[in-house]
Amino acid sequence: MTYAIQAEGLEKRFGETQALAGVSLTADAGTVLGVLGPNGAGKTTMTRILATLIEPTGGRASVGGFDVVKDAHKVRQLIGLTGQYAGVDEMLTGTENLVLIGRLLGIPRRDAKARAAELLERFQLTDAAERAAKTYSGGMRRRLDLAASLVGRPQILFLDEPTTGLDPRSRNGLWDIVRGLTDDGVTVLLTTQYLEEADQLADDIIVIDRGQAIAHGTSDVLKSQVGGQVLEVRPVNAPDLDTAARIVGELAEAEPEVRDGLISTPITDPELMPAVVRRLDDAGVTVGELSLRKSSLDEVFFALTGHHTEDIDAEADELEQSVKNESADKSADREGASA
């Protein structure tokens, strides 16, 4: 079977740093594969390998049936890429940005203008088409950036944390766009830190931590590993924290987590909540906060790895800079070879 995206044992080192340590994945055509993980997990490194911006240290990968190293030029003809930050030229208008991309792709000027107008309408940017991109809001820039990645009508699209920093309305708008792309048969690899985003969009999810794939499955499968729901209790009086934690632990039959005065534990039975309330009341514990919510990315990671996502954020900046440096070096090499 030929997959739209396939990776087997991908490895990547930057000096002494192991960014990827044998990641394998597959994505069927016309689906969304969510790659879930915190900063520094290896998501961007993997995306840039698949997009032919950097080469792997070990393993192999193919996109659209072509090897990302041996047939990199063929892969580039099939893909679009939107990075974590909008890459549009702020001095150009929305139309000029898209026409420029089209011309760089070898599209005749008239066709490039027509494609630009089509995409601006699709992304609800027609009214701002003749304005400089520097006047756009963050959400508008992200939409323009995504439109730019679609000028060449890619079969496979890489979205590297496309909603980072967006407000809820802009984020929901981008989600609708991604759904529309898959309806058109485009395969999407979406990297994200947000379980909710993967839950909304991904047909399948792979979880990456410290350069390794630690879990794979649908959103429901992943959330089931942490109980599906999380009970949170915050006592009004700090001296009651230990008593409340003991009660929650006894009823949930699990050791609860206590952080910053908040007690939390995964549960499978929603009826546990009123039982906790009764026991706390009997013990004289006054509750200031009580909630039952869906599991978050942090709970998924804690259940799978025993540490929280922010625990490895300190490594992210150094790794990100290493990836950028190698990407820049490779781009310079390609430009030199073309000169």
C-alpha atoms as a PDB file:
ATOM      1  CA  MET A   1       0.000   0.000   0.000  1.00  0.00           C
ATOM      2  CA  THR A   2       1.284   3.451  -0.922  1.00  0.00           C
ATOM      3  CA  TYR A   3       0.807   6.122   1.736  1.00  0.00           C
ATOM      4  CA  ALA A   4       0.718   9.847   1.072  1.00  0.00           C
ATOM      5  CA  ILE A   5       3.303  10.236   3.856  1.00  0.00           C
ATOM      6  CA  GLN A   6       5.447   7.479   5.312  1.00  0.00           C
ATOM      7  CA  ALA A   7       8.427   7.559   7.669  1.00  0.00           C
ATOM      8  CA  GLU A   8      10.398   4.647   9.049  1.00  0.00           C
ATOM      9  CA  GLY A   9      12.834   5.087  11.933  1.00  0.00           C
ATOM     10  CA  LEU A  10      13.574   8.766  11.278  1.00  0.00           C
ATOM     11  CA  GLU A  11      16.572  10.012  13.237  1.00  0.00           C
ATOM     12  CA  LYS A  12      18.156  13.434  13.389  1.00  0.00           C
ATOM     13  CA  ARG A  13      21.074  14.765  15.393  1.00  0.00           C
ATOM     14  CA  PHE A  14      22.300  18.334  15.766  1.00  0.00           C
ATOM     15  CA  GLY A  15      25.728  17.911  17.287  1.00  0.00           C
ATOM     16  CA  GLU A  16      25.164  16.254  20.654  1.00  0.00           C
ATOM     17  CA  THR A  17      21.405  16.834  20.537  1.00  0.00           C
ATOM     18  CA  GLN A  18      19.189  13.943  19.461  1.00  0.00           C
ATOM     19  CA  ALA A  19      16.162  15.694  17.943  1.00  0.00           C
ATOM     20  CA  LEU A  20      14.559  12.550  16.493  1.00  0.00           C
ATOM     21  CA  ALA A  21      15.233   9.056  17.757  1.00  0.00           C
ATOM     22  CA  GLY A  22      13.514   6.646  15.368  1.00  0.00           C
ATOM     23  CA  VAL A  23      10.071   8.059  14.568  1.00  0.00           C
ATOM     24  CA  SER A  24       7.789   6.072  12.258  1.00  0.00           C
ATOM     25  CA  LEU A  25       4.408   7.188  10.905  1.00  0.00           C
ATOM     26  CA  THR A  26       2.006   6.875   7.987  1.00  0.00           C
ATOM     27  CA  ALA A  27      -0.772   9.054   6.582  1.00  0.00           C
ATOM     28  CA  ASP A  28      -3.402   7.994   4.061  1.00  0.00           C
ATOM     29  CA  ALA A  29      -4.281  10.290   1.171  1.00  0.00           C
ATOM     30  CA  GLY A  30      -6.995  12.834   1.911  1.00  0.00           C
ATOM     31  CA  THR A  31      -6.701  12.585   5.707  1.00  0.00           C
ATOM     32  CA  VAL A  32      -5.299  14.716   8.518  1.00  0.00           C
ATOM     33  CA  LEU A  33      -2.472  13.223  10.563  1.00  0.00           C
ATOM     34  CA  GLY A  34      -2.035  15.107  13.821  1.00  0.00           C
ATOM     35  CA  VAL A  35       1.470  15.174  15.287  1.00  0.00           C
ATOM     36  CA  LEU A  36       1.044  16.087  18.935  1.00  0.00           C
ATOM     37  CA  GLY A  37       3.799  17.200  21.279  1.00  0.00           C
ATOM     38  CA  PRO A  38       5.227  20.060  23.359  1.00  0.00           C
ATOM     39  CA  ASN A  39       7.932  22.493  22.319  1.00  0.00           C
ATOM     40  CA  GLY A  40      11.189  20.685  21.687  1.00  0.00           C
ATOM     41  CA  ALA A  41       9.561  17.299  21.115  1.00  0.00           C
ATOM     42  CA  GLY A  42      10.845  17.020  17.532  1.00  0.00           C
ATOM     43  CA  LYS A  43       7.709  17.985  15.589  1.00  0.00           C
ATOM     44  CA  THR A  44       9.284  20.806  13.588  1.00  0.00           C
ATOM     45  CA  THR A  45      12.418  18.765  12.883  1.00  0.00           C
ATOM     46  CA  MET A  46      10.311  15.935  11.482  1.00  0.00           C
ATOM     47  CA  THR A  47       8.212  18.331   9.399  1.00  0.00           C
ATOM     48  CA  ARG A  48      11.288  19.931   7.874  1.00  0.00           C
ATOM     49  CA  ILE A  49      12.707  16.530   6.982  1.00  0.00           C
ATOM     50  CA  LEU A  50       9.467  15.546   5.262  1.00  0.00           C
ATOM     51  CA  ALA A  51       9.400  18.918   3.467  1.00  0.00           C
ATOM     52  CA  THR A  52      13.014  18.328   2.244  1.00  0.00           C
ATOM     53  CA  LEU A  53      14.413  21.338   4.123  1.00  0.00           C
ATOM     54  CA  ILE A  54      16.855  19.212   6.096  1.00  0.00           C
ATOM     55  CA  GLU A  55      18.053  15.624   5.700  1.00  0.00           C
ATOM     56  CA  PRO A  56      17.674  12.859   8.284  1.00  0.00           C
ATOM     57  CA  THR A  57      20.646  11.356  10.069  1.00  0.00           C
ATOM     58  CA  GLY A  58      19.023   7.932   9.867  1.00  0.00           C
ATOM     59  CA  GLY A  59      15.899   6.174   8.685  1.00  0.00           C
ATOM     60  CA  ARG A  60      13.917   6.981   5.572  1.00  0.00           C
ATOM     61  CA  ALA A  61      10.788   8.819   4.534  1.00  0.00           C
ATOM     62  CA  SER A  62       8.655   9.203   1.438  1.00  0.00           C
ATOM     63  CA  VAL A  63       6.067  11.803   0.476  1.00  0.00           C
ATOM     64  CA  GLY A  64       3.703  11.136  -2.393  1.00  0.00           C
ATOM     65  CA  GLY A  65       5.655   7.953  -3.062  1.00  0.00           C
ATOM     66  CA  PHE A  66       8.988   9.775  -3.509  1.00  0.00           C
ATOM     67  CA  ASP A  67      11.999   9.528  -1.221  1.00  0.00           C
ATOM     68  CA  VAL A  68      12.567  12.847   0.562  1.00  0.00           C
ATOM     69  CA  VAL A  69      16.336  12.629   0.044  1.00  0.00           C
ATOM     70  CA  LYS A  70      16.804  10.903  -3.323  1.00  0.00           C
ATOM     71  CA  ASP A  71      13.777  12.501  -5.001  1.00  0.00           C
ATOM     72  CA  ALA A  72      13.598  15.774  -3.085  1.00  0.00           C
ATOM     73  CA  HIS A  73      12.837  17.821  -6.218  1.00  0.00           C
ATOM     74  CA  LYS A  74       9.831  15.621  -6.994  1.00  0.00           C
ATOM     75  CA  VAL A  75       8.572  15.882  -3.421  1.00  0.00           C
ATOM     76  CA  ARG A  76       8.711  19.685  -3.599  1.00  0.00           C
ATOM     77  CA  GLN A  77       6.405  19.645  -6.611  1.00  0.00           C
ATOM     78  CA  LEU A  78       3.716  17.926  -4.531  1.00  0.00           C
ATOM     79  CA  ILE A  79       3.799  19.789  -1.221  1.00  0.00           C
ATOM     80  CA  GLY A  80       2.940  23.035   0.493  1.00  0.00           C
ATOM     81  CA  LEU A  81       4.359  24.181   3.833  1.00  0.00           C
ATOM     82  CA  THR A  82       3.134  26.665   6.410  1.00  0.00           C
ATOM     83  CA  GLY A  83       5.518  27.221   9.315  1.00  0.00           C
ATOM     84  CA  GLN A  84       4.884  28.349  12.870  1.00  0.00           C
ATOM     85  CA  TYR A  85       5.111  32.018  11.956  1.00  0.00           C
ATOM     86  CA  ALA A  86       3.547  33.841   9.013  1.00  0.00           C
ATOM     87  CA  GLY A  87       6.133  34.104   6.241  1.00  0.00           C
ATOM     88  CA  VAL A  88       4.455  36.748   4.089  1.00  0.00           C
ATOM     89  CA  ASP A  89       6.197  39.910   2.874  1.00  0.00           C
ATOM     90  CA  GLU A  90       4.689  42.673   5.004  1.00  0.00           C
ATOM     91  CA  MET A  91       5.429  45.399   2.470  1.00  0.00           C
ATOM     92  CA  LEU A  92       3.485  43.657  -0.311  1.00  0.00           C
ATOM     93  CA  THR A  93      -0.285  43.517  -0.579  1.00  0.00           C
ATOM     94  CA  GLY A  94      -2.197  40.282  -0.175  1.00  0.00           C
ATOM     95  CA  THR A  95      -2.541  39.987  -3.955  1.00  0.00           C
ATOM     96  CA  GLU A  96       1.124  40.776  -4.573  1.00  0.00           C
ATOM     97  CA  ASN A  97       2.244  38.141  -2.052  1.00  0.00           C
ATOM     98  CA  LEU A  98       0.256  35.407  -3.762  1.00  0.00           C
ATOM     99  CA  VAL A  99       1.143  36.490  -7.300  1.00  0.00           C
ATOM    100  CA  LEU A 100       4.827  36.511  -6.328  1.00  0.00           C
ATOM    101  CA  ILE A 101       4.579  32.927  -5.089  1.00  0.00           C
ATOM    102  CA  GLY A 102       2.820  31.928  -8.284  1.00  0.00           C
ATOM    103  CA  ARG A 103       5.485  33.505 -10.469  1.00  0.00           C
ATOM    104  CA  LEU A 104       8.251  31.818  -8.473  1.00  0.00           C
ATOM    105  CA  LEU A 105       6.468  28.523  -9.134  1.00  0.00           C
ATOM    106  CA  GLY A 106       6.520  29.256 -12.872  1.00  0.00           C
ATOM    107  CA  ILE A 107       2.828  30.069 -13.206  1.00  0.00           C
ATOM    108  CA  PRO A 108       2.058  32.593 -15.987  1.00  0.00           C
ATOM    109  CA  ARG A 109       1.218  36.067 -14.664  1.00  0.00           C
ATOM    110  CA  ARG A 110      -2.427  36.006 -15.743  1.00  0.00           C
ATOM    111  CA  ASP A 111      -2.970  32.576 -14.170  1.00  0.00           C
ATOM    112  CA  ALA A 112      -1.114  33.649 -11.021  1.00  0.00           C
ATOM    113  CA  LYS A 113      -3.431  36.652 -10.636  1.00  0.00           C
ATOM    114  CA  ALA A 114      -6.484  34.478 -11.135  1.00  0.00           C
ATOM    115  CA  ARG A 115      -5.241  31.958  -8.563  1.00  0.00           C
ATOM    116  CA  ALA A 116      -4.489  34.777  -6.113  1.00  0.00           C
ATOM    117  CA  ALA A 117      -8.011  36.187  -6.472  1.00  0.00           C
ATOM    118  CA  GLU A 118      -9.488  32.706  -6.001  1.00  0.00           C
ATOM    119  CA  LEU A 119      -7.531  32.065  -2.803  1.00  0.00           C
ATOM    120  CA  LEU A 120      -8.161  35.521  -1.358  1.00  0.00           C
ATOM    121  CA  GLU A 121     -11.878  34.956  -1.779  1.00  0.00           C
ATOM    122  CA  ARG A 122     -11.678  31.466  -0.283  1.00  0.00           C
ATOM    123  CA  PHE A 123      -9.816  32.769   2.761  1.00  0.00           C
ATOM    124  CA  GLN A 124     -12.127  35.791   3.144  1.00  0.00           C
ATOM    125  CA  LEU A 125      -9.366  38.280   2.371  1.00  0.00           C
ATOM    126  CA  THR A 126     -10.805  39.889  -0.771  1.00  0.00           C
ATOM    127  CA  ASP A 127     -11.606  43.166   1.017  1.00  0.00           C
ATOM    128  CA  ALA A 128      -7.983  43.414   2.165  1.00  0.00           C
ATOM    129  CA  ALA A 129      -6.429  42.178  -1.083  1.00  0.00           C
ATOM    130  CA  GLU A 130      -4.878  45.546  -2.000  1.00  0.00           C
ATOM    131  CA  ARG A 131      -3.702  46.416   1.497  1.00  0.00           C
ATOM    132  CA  ALA A 132      -0.124  45.865   2.651  1.00  0.00           C
ATOM    133  CA  ALA A 133       0.203  42.700   4.712  1.00  0.00           C
ATOM    134  CA  LYS A 134       1.680  44.735   7.571  1.00  0.00           C
ATOM    135  CA  THR A 135      -1.809  46.141   8.174  1.00  0.00           C
ATOM    136  CA  TYR A 136      -3.307  42.652   8.600  1.00  0.00           C
ATOM    137  CA  SER A 137      -4.271  41.202  11.951  1.00  0.00           C
ATOM    138  CA  GLY A 138      -2.511  38.074  13.197  1.00  0.00           C
ATOM    139  CA  GLY A 139      -5.343  35.850  12.036  1.00  0.00           C
ATOM    140  CA  MET A 140      -5.404  37.489   8.593  1.00  0.00           C
ATOM    141  CA  ARG A 141      -1.661  36.993   8.183  1.00  0.00           C
ATOM    142  CA  ARG A 142      -1.986  33.326   9.063  1.00  0.00           C
ATOM    143  CA  ARG A 143      -4.756  32.924   6.489  1.00  0.00           C
ATOM    144  CA  LEU A 144      -2.643  34.686   3.880  1.00  0.00           C
ATOM    145  CA  ASP A 145       0.320  32.484   4.771  1.00  0.00           C
ATOM    146  CA  LEU A 146      -1.819  29.372   4.363  1.00  0.00           C
ATOM    147  CA  ALA A 147      -3.172  30.702   1.069  1.00  0.00           C
ATOM    148  CA  ALA A 148       0.415  31.156  -0.134  1.00  0.00           C
ATOM    149  CA  SER A 149       1.156  27.504   0.558  1.00  0.00           C
ATOM    150  CA  LEU A 150      -1.788  26.527  -1.671  1.00  0.00           C
ATOM    151  CA  VAL A 151      -0.924  28.627  -4.733  1.00  0.00           C
ATOM    152  CA  GLY A 152       0.708  25.626  -6.402  1.00  0.00           C
ATOM    153  CA  ARG A 153      -2.269  23.330  -5.661  1.00  0.00           C
ATOM    154  CA  PRO A 154      -0.275  20.894  -3.463  1.00  0.00           C
ATOM    155  CA  GLN A 155      -1.459  17.339  -2.941  1.00  0.00           C
ATOM    156  CA  ILE A 156       0.143  17.241   0.509  1.00  0.00           C
ATOM    157  CA  LEU A 157       0.255  20.109   2.985  1.00  0.00           C
ATOM    158  CA  PHE A 158       2.442  20.458   6.076  1.00  0.00           C
ATOM    159  CA  LEU A 159       1.034  22.759   8.762  1.00  0.00           C
ATOM    160  CA  ASP A 160       3.534  23.343  11.562  1.00  0.00           C
ATOM    161  CA  GLU A 161       1.579  24.684  14.568  1.00  0.00           C
ATOM    162  CA  PRO A 162      -0.515  26.979  12.334  1.00  0.00           C
ATOM    163  CA  THR A 163      -2.734  28.352  15.120  1.00  0.00           C
ATOM    164  CA  THR A 164      -0.058  29.291  17.654  1.00  0.00           C
ATOM    165  CA  GLY A 165      -0.818  32.728  19.060  1.00  0.00           C
ATOM    166  CA  LEU A 166      -4.227  33.079  17.401  1.00  0.00           C
ATOM    167  CA  ASP A 167      -7.385  34.115  19.201  1.00  0.00           C
ATOM    168  CA  PRO A 168     -10.213  31.532  19.397  1.00  0.00           C
ATOM    169  CA  ARG A 169     -12.161  33.040  16.483  1.00  0.00           C
ATOM    170  CA  SER A 170      -9.158  33.037  14.142  1.00  0.00           C
ATOM    171  CA  ARG A 171      -8.235  29.531  15.249  1.00  0.00           C
ATOM    172  CA  ASN A 172     -11.732  28.224  14.500  1.00  0.00           C
ATOM    173  CA  GLY A 173     -11.587  29.894  11.099  1.00  0.00           C
ATOM    174  CA  LEU A 174      -8.368  28.083  10.241  1.00  0.00           C
ATOM    175  CA  TRP A 175      -9.882  24.810  11.425  1.00  0.00           C
ATOM    176  CA  ASP A 176     -12.730  25.271   8.934  1.00  0.00           C
ATOM    177  CA  ILE A 177     -10.201  25.885   6.165  1.00  0.00           C
ATOM    178  CA  VAL A 178      -8.290  22.708   6.986  1.00  0.00           C
ATOM    179  CA  ARG A 179     -11.520  20.698   6.901  1.00  0.00           C
ATOM    180  CA  GLY A 180     -12.246  22.140   3.479  1.00  0.00           C
ATOM    181  CA  LEU A 181      -8.818  21.122   2.199  1.00  0.00           C
ATOM    182  CA  THR A 182      -9.314  17.477   3.108  1.00  0.00           C
ATOM    183  CA  ASP A 183     -12.727  17.597   1.452  1.00  0.00           C
ATOM    184  CA  ASP A 184     -10.798  18.517  -1.715  1.00  0.00           C
ATOM    185  CA  GLY A 185      -8.557  15.461  -1.285  1.00  0.00           C
ATOM    186  CA  VAL A 186      -5.499  17.216   0.174  1.00  0.00           C
ATOM    187  CA  THR A 187      -3.474  15.232   2.722  1.00  0.00           C
ATOM    188  CA  VAL A 188      -2.538  17.307   5.762  1.00  0.00           C
ATOM    189  CA  LEU A 189       0.165  16.714   8.353  1.00  0.00           C
ATOM    190  CA  LEU A 190      -0.662  18.991  11.271  1.00  0.00           C
ATOM    191  CA  THR A 191       1.735  19.532  14.159  1.00  0.00           C
ATOM    192  CA  THR A 192       0.226  21.012  17.291  1.00  0.00           C
ATOM    193  CA  GLN A 193       0.596  21.405  21.047  1.00  0.00           C
ATOM    194  CA  TYR A 194      -3.148  21.368  21.535  1.00  0.00           C
ATOM    195  CA  LEU A 195      -5.102  18.164  22.088  1.00  0.00           C
ATOM    196  CA  GLU A 196      -8.299  20.058  21.281  1.00  0.00           C
ATOM    197  CA  GLU A 197      -6.940  20.990  17.852  1.00  0.00           C
ATOM    198  CA  ALA A 198      -5.956  17.420  17.094  1.00  0.00           C
ATOM    199  CA  ASP A 199      -9.306  16.277  18.441  1.00  0.00           C
ATOM    200  CA  GLN A 200     -11.152  18.606  16.071  1.00  0.00           C
ATOM    201  CA  LEU A 201      -9.157  17.928  12.917  1.00  0.00           C
ATOM    202  CA  ALA A 202      -7.087  14.753  12.960  1.00  0.00           C
ATOM    203  CA  ASP A 203      -8.221  11.391  11.638  1.00  0.00           C
ATOM    204  CA  ASP A 204      -5.220   9.860  13.363  1.00  0.00           C
ATOM    205  CA  ILE A 205      -2.733  11.169  15.938  1.00  0.00           C
ATOM    206  CA  ILE A 206       0.867  10.372  16.783  1.00  0.00           C
ATOM    207  CA  VAL A 207       2.294  11.705  20.049  1.00  0.00           C
ATOM    208  CA  ILE A 208       5.990  12.648  20.087  1.00  0.00           C
ATOM    209  CA  ASP A 209       8.119  13.305  23.158  1.00  0.00           C
ATOM    210  CA  ARG A 210      11.875  13.902  23.239  1.00  0.00           C
ATOM    211  CA  GLY A 211      12.242  12.758  19.640  1.00  0.00           C
ATOM    212  CA  GLN A 212      10.316   9.508  20.024  1.00  0.00           C
ATOM    213  CA  ALA A 213       6.802   8.395  19.129  1.00  0.00           C
ATOM    214  CA  ILE A 214       5.241   7.390  22.440  1.00  0.00           C
ATOM    215  CA  ALA A 215       1.622   6.833  21.432  1.00  0.00           C
ATOM    216  CA  HIS A 216      -0.526   6.472  18.343  1.00  0.00           C
ATOM    217  CA  GLY A 217      -4.254   6.361  17.767  1.00  0.00           C
ATOM    218  CA  THR A 218      -7.395   8.435  17.540  1.00  0.00           C
ATOM    219  CA  SER A 219      -8.133  11.253  19.969  1.00  0.00           C
ATOM    220  CA  ASP A 220     -10.565   9.042  21.885  1.00  0.00           C
ATOM    221  CA  VAL A 221      -7.936   6.325  22.265  1.00  0.00           C
ATOM    222  CA  LEU A 222      -5.384   8.795  23.632  1.00  0.00           C
ATOM    223  CA  LYS A 223      -7.795  10.395  26.064  1.00  0.00           C
ATOM    224  CA  SER A 224      -8.887   6.988  27.321  1.00  0.00           C
ATOM    225  CA  GLN A 225      -5.325   6.478  28.558  1.00  0.00           C
ATOM    226  CA  VAL A 226      -5.824   9.266  31.095  1.00  0.00           C
ATOM    227  CA  GLY A 227      -9.379   8.374  32.053  1.00  0.00           C
ATOM    228  CA  GLY A 228     -11.207  10.501  29.519  1.00  0.00           C
ATOM    229  CA  GLN A 229     -12.156  13.197  32.090  1.00  0.00           C
ATOM    230  CA  VAL A 230     -10.337  15.045  34.833  1.00  0.00           C
ATOM    231  CA  LEU A 231     -11.802  15.995  38.215  1.00  0.00           C
ATOM    232  CA  GLU A 232     -10.375  19.185  39.736  1.00  0.00           C
ATOM    233  CA  VAL A 233     -10.846  20.346  43.323  1.00  0.00           C
ATOM    234  CA  ARG A 234      -9.431  23.451  44.985  1.00  0.00           C
ATOM    235  CA  PRO A 235     -10.075  23.892  48.748  1.00  0.00           C
ATOM    236  CA  VAL A 236     -10.684  27.413  49.992  1.00  0.00           C
ATOM    237  CA  ASN A 237      -8.357  26.924  52.973  1.00  0.00           C
ATOM    238  CA  ALA A 238      -4.788  25.800  52.285  1.00  0.00           C
ATOM    239  CA  PRO A 239      -4.589  23.635  55.473  1.00  0.00           C
ATOM    240  CA  ASP A 240      -7.398  21.455  54.033  1.00  0.00           C
ATOM    241  CA  LEU A 241      -5.347  20.548  50.954  1.00  0.00           C
ATOM    242  CA  ASP A 242      -3.934  17.289  52.329  1.00  0.00           C
ATOM    243  CA  THR A 243      -7.327  16.138  53.605  1.00  0.00           C
ATOM    244  CA  ALA A 244      -9.011  16.923  50.294  1.00  0.00           C
ATOM    245  CA  ALA A 245      -6.266  15.167  48.329  1.00  0.00           C
ATOM    246  CA  ARG A 246      -6.619  12.068  50.505  1.00  0.00           C
ATOM    247  CA  ILE A 247     -10.402  11.968  49.985  1.00  0.00           C
ATOM    248  CA  VAL A 248     -10.125  12.450  46.222  1.00  0.00           C
ATOM    249  CA  GLY A 249      -7.456   9.754  46.018  1.00  0.00           C
ATOM    250  CA  GLU A 250      -9.507   7.245  48.015  1.00  0.00           C
ATOM    251  CA  LEU A 251     -12.612   7.705  45.888  1.00  0.00           C
ATOM    252  CA  ALA A 252     -10.748   7.800  42.562  1.00  0.00           C
ATOM    253  CA  GLU A 253      -8.546   4.863  43.626  1.00  0.00           C
ATOM    254  CA  ALA A 254      -5.537   6.712  42.267  1.00  0.00           C
ATOM    255  CA  GLU A 255      -2.892   9.086  43.561  1.00  0.00           C
ATOM    256  CA  PRO A 256      -4.121  12.592  42.656  1.00  0.00           C
ATOM    257  CA  GLU A 257      -1.837  15.322  41.432  1.00  0.00           C
ATOM    258  CA  VAL A 258      -1.513  18.457  43.569  1.00  0.00           C
ATOM    259  CA  ARG A 259      -0.140  21.598  41.937  1.00  0.00           C
ATOM    260  CA  ASP A 260      -0.516  25.178  43.126  1.00  0.00           C
ATOM    261  CA  GLY A 261      -3.326  24.292  45.487  1.00  0.00           C
ATOM    262  CA  LEU A 262      -5.332  22.415  42.840  1.00  0.00           C
ATOM    263  CA  ILE A 263      -6.061  18.704  43.174  1.00  0.00           C
ATOM    264  CA  SER A 264      -6.658  16.837  39.916  1.00  0.00           C
ATOM    265  CA  THR A 265      -7.155  13.211  38.971  1.00  0.00           C
ATOM    266  CA  PRO A 266      -8.397  11.342  35.882  1.00  0.00           C
ATOM    267  CA  ILE A 267     -11.716   9.550  36.333  1.00  0.00           C
ATOM    268  CA  THR A 268     -13.926   7.285  34.241  1.00  0.00           C
ATOM    269  CA  ASP A 269     -17.141   7.532  36.283  1.00  0.00           C
ATOM    270  CA  PRO A 270     -18.831  10.985  36.325  1.00  0.00           C
ATOM    271  CA  GLU A 271     -20.862   9.844  39.369  1.00  0.00           C
ATOM    272  CA  LEU A 272     -17.657  10.145  41.373  1.00  0.00           C
ATOM    273  CA  MET A 273     -18.054  13.934  41.486  1.00  0.00           C
ATOM    274  CA  PRO A 274     -21.099  14.091  43.821  1.00  0.00           C
ATOM    275  CA  ALA A 275     -19.487  11.426  46.021  1.00  0.00           C
ATOM    276  CA  VAL A 276     -16.409  13.636  46.396  1.00  0.00           C
ATOM    277  CA  VAL A 277     -18.605  16.613  47.298  1.00  0.00           C
ATOM    278  CA  ARG A 278     -20.372  14.631  50.034  1.00  0.00           C
ATOM    279  CA  ARG A 279     -17.127  13.318  51.536  1.00  0.00           C
ATOM    280  CA  LEU A 280     -15.505  16.748  51.538  1.00  0.00           C
ATOM    281  CA  ASP A 281     -18.574  18.250  53.172  1.00  0.00           C
ATOM    282  CA  ASP A 282     -18.556  15.540  55.849  1.00  0.00           C
ATOM    283  CA  ALA A 283     -14.891  16.312  56.505  1.00  0.00           C
ATOM    284  CA  GLY A 284     -15.599  20.026  56.850  1.00  0.00           C
ATOM    285  CA  VAL A 285     -13.588  20.980  53.770  1.00  0.00           C
ATOM    286  CA  THR A 286     -14.892  24.095  52.039  1.00  0.00           C
ATOM    287  CA  VAL A 287     -14.410  23.900  48.266  1.00  0.00           C
ATOM    288  CA  GLY A 288     -13.650  27.029  46.257  1.00  0.00           C
ATOM    289  CA  GLU A 289     -13.409  25.316  42.862  1.00  0.00           C
ATOM    290  CA  LEU A 290     -14.880  22.063  41.596  1.00  0.00           C
ATOM    291  CA  SER A 291     -14.924  21.021  37.942  1.00  0.00           C
ATOM    292  CA  LEU A 292     -15.067  18.056  35.606  1.00  0.00           C
ATOM    293  CA  ARG A 293     -13.459  18.566  32.219  1.00  0.00           C
ATOM    294  CA  LYS A 294     -11.934  16.725  29.283  1.00  0.00           C
ATOM    295  CA  SER A 295      -8.299  15.686  29.463  1.00  0.00           C
ATOM    296  CA  SER A 296      -5.712  18.157  28.216  1.00  0.00           C
ATOM    297  CA  LEU A 297      -2.464  17.570  26.353  1.00  0.00           C
ATOM    298  CA  ASP A 298      -0.616  17.952  29.639  1.00  0.00           C
ATOM    299  CA  GLU A 299      -2.592  15.107  31.254  1.00  0.00           C
ATOM    300  CA  VAL A 300      -2.004  12.907  28.213  1.00  0.00           C
ATOM    301  CA  PHE A 301       1.713  13.578  28.440  1.00  0.00           C
ATOM    302  CA  PHE A 302       1.846  13.084  32.157  1.00  0.00           C
ATOM    303  CA  ALA A 303       0.031   9.758  31.835  1.00  0.00           C
ATOM    304  CA  LEU A 304       2.311   8.604  29.030  1.00  0.00           C
ATOM    305  CA  THR A 305       5.667   9.938  30.206  1.00  0.00           C
ATOM    306  CA  GLY A 306       5.418  10.871  33.883  1.00  0.00           C
ATOM    307  CA  HIS A 307       6.382  14.507  33.231  1.00  0.00           C
ATOM    308  CA  HIS A 308       4.589  17.646  32.109  1.00  0.00           C
ATOM    309  CA  THR A 309       4.977  19.377  28.780  1.00  0.00           C
ATOM    310  CA  GLU A 310       6.613  22.478  30.270  1.00  0.00           C
ATOM    311  CA  ASP A 311       9.319  20.338  31.890  1.00  0.00           C
ATOM    312  CA  ILE A 312      11.153  20.099  28.550  1.00  0.00           C
ATOM    313  CA  ASP A 313      10.388  23.561  27.187  1.00  0.00           C
ATOM    314  CA  ALA A 314      13.832  24.790  28.264  1.00  0.00           C
ATOM    315  CA  GLU A 315      15.398  22.568  25.592  1.00  0.00           C
ATOM    316  CA  ALA A 316      13.204  23.896  22.797  1.00  0.00           C
ATOM    317  CA  ASP A 317      14.973  27.166  21.937  1.00  0.00           C
ATOM    318  CA  GLU A 318      18.381  25.559  21.442  1.00  0.00           C
ATOM    319  CA  LEU A 319      16.928  22.776  19.303  1.00  0.00           C
ATOM    320  CA  GLU A 320      14.841  25.200  17.236  1.00  0.00           C
ATOM    321  CA  GLN A 321      17.913  27.320  16.476  1.00  0.00           C
ATOM    322  CA  SER A 322      19.822  24.225  15.347  1.00  0.00           C
ATOM    323  CA  VAL A 323      16.995  23.286  12.971  1.00  0.00           C
ATOM    324  CA  LYS A 324      16.851  26.826  11.554  1.00  0.00           C
ATOM    325  CA  ASN A 325      20.610  26.913  11.016  1.00  0.00           C
ATOM    326  CA  GLU A 326      20.632  23.638   9.095  1.00  0.00           C
ATOM    327  CA  SER A 327      17.585  24.650   7.040  1.00  0.00           C
ATOM    328  CA  ALA A 328      19.314  27.910   6.117  1.00  0.00           C
ATOM    329  CA  ASP A 329      22.547  26.102   5.208  1.00  0.00           C
ATOM    330  CA  LYS A 330      20.686  23.687   2.958  1.00  0.00           C
ATOM    331  CA  SER A 331      18.775  26.498   1.246  1.00  0.00           C
ATOM    332  CA  ALA A 332      22.039  28.314   0.607  1.00  0.00           C
ATOM    333  CA  ASP A 333      23.557  25.149  -0.857  1.00  0.00           C
ATOM    334  CA  ARG A 334      20.584  24.767  -3.235  1.00  0.00           C
ATOM    335  CA  GLU A 335      20.857  28.404  -4.300  1.00  0.00           C
ATOM    336  CA  GLY A 336      24.587  28.018  -4.885  1.00  0.00           C
ATOM    337  CA  ALA A 337      24.045  24.926  -6.992  1.00  0.00           C
ATOM    338  CA  SER A 338      21.459  26.768  -9.083  1.00  0.00           C
ATOM    339  CA  ALA A 339      23.696  29.797  -9.674  1.00  0.00           C
END
